[in-house]
Protein backbone atom coordinates (compact mmCIF):
# COMPACT_ATOMS: atom_id res chain seq x y z
CA UNK A 1 0.00 0.00 0.00
CA UNK A 2 1.10 3.53 -0.71
CA UNK A 3 1.73 5.91 2.17
CA UNK A 4 -0.88 8.56 2.78
CA UNK A 5 0.20 11.95 3.95
CA UNK A 6 0.47 15.65 3.34
CA UNK A 7 3.51 15.56 1.03
CA UNK A 8 2.86 16.63 -2.56
CA UNK A 9 5.12 16.99 -5.60
CA UNK A 10 5.61 20.55 -6.86
CA UNK A 11 7.35 22.06 -9.90
CA UNK A 12 9.64 25.07 -9.47
CA UNK A 13 10.21 27.32 -12.51
CA UNK A 14 12.77 30.10 -12.96
CA UNK A 15 11.33 33.63 -12.92
CA UNK A 16 14.33 35.42 -14.50
CA UNK A 17 14.56 33.00 -17.42
CA UNK A 18 10.94 33.70 -18.44
CA UNK A 19 11.61 37.45 -18.50
CA UNK A 20 14.89 37.14 -20.46
CA UNK A 21 13.19 35.77 -23.59
CA UNK A 22 15.77 33.02 -24.16
CA UNK A 23 14.52 29.64 -25.44
CA UNK A 24 14.07 26.75 -23.00
CA UNK A 25 13.05 26.61 -19.35
CA UNK A 26 14.72 25.85 -16.05
CA UNK A 27 12.50 23.65 -13.88
CA UNK A 28 13.04 21.55 -10.77
CA UNK A 29 10.73 18.97 -9.17
CA UNK A 30 10.59 18.68 -5.38
CA UNK A 31 8.15 17.78 -2.61
CA UNK A 32 6.64 19.85 0.16
CA UNK A 33 4.43 19.28 3.17
CA UNK A 34 1.15 20.99 2.31
CA UNK A 35 0.16 21.29 5.97
CA UNK A 36 3.33 23.18 7.02
CA UNK A 37 3.71 25.32 3.86
CA UNK A 38 0.27 25.99 2.35
CA UNK A 39 1.46 28.95 0.23
CA UNK A 40 3.66 28.71 -2.87
CA UNK A 41 7.35 27.87 -2.43
CA UNK A 42 10.16 30.15 -3.58
CA UNK A 43 13.77 28.85 -3.62
CA UNK A 44 17.10 29.98 -5.04
CA UNK A 45 18.32 27.28 -7.45
CA UNK A 46 20.98 27.10 -10.19
CA UNK A 47 19.82 27.91 -13.71
CA UNK A 48 22.12 26.05 -16.16
CA UNK A 49 21.06 28.16 -19.15
CA UNK A 50 21.78 31.52 -17.50
CA UNK A 51 24.67 29.92 -15.53
CA UNK A 52 23.79 31.60 -12.22
CA UNK A 53 21.62 31.22 -9.11
CA UNK A 54 18.09 32.52 -9.66
CA UNK A 55 14.75 32.53 -7.84
CA UNK A 56 12.50 29.60 -8.77
CA UNK A 57 8.79 29.82 -7.87
CA UNK A 58 6.23 27.06 -7.59
CA UNK A 59 3.87 26.74 -10.55
CA UNK A 60 0.39 25.20 -10.79
């Protein structure tokens, strides 16, 4: 049986890359506890296309 809980998979997408107009996207998949963090996540992650650390926000 699968475990039941509050953890859900979320997709993080780069905000600076969207604004730059370059082709491609920088996305990461992670999990979060929906009970502890009900609002959208925002983390600094490495963007390999821009070659620097940027802010990635949760989508959908």
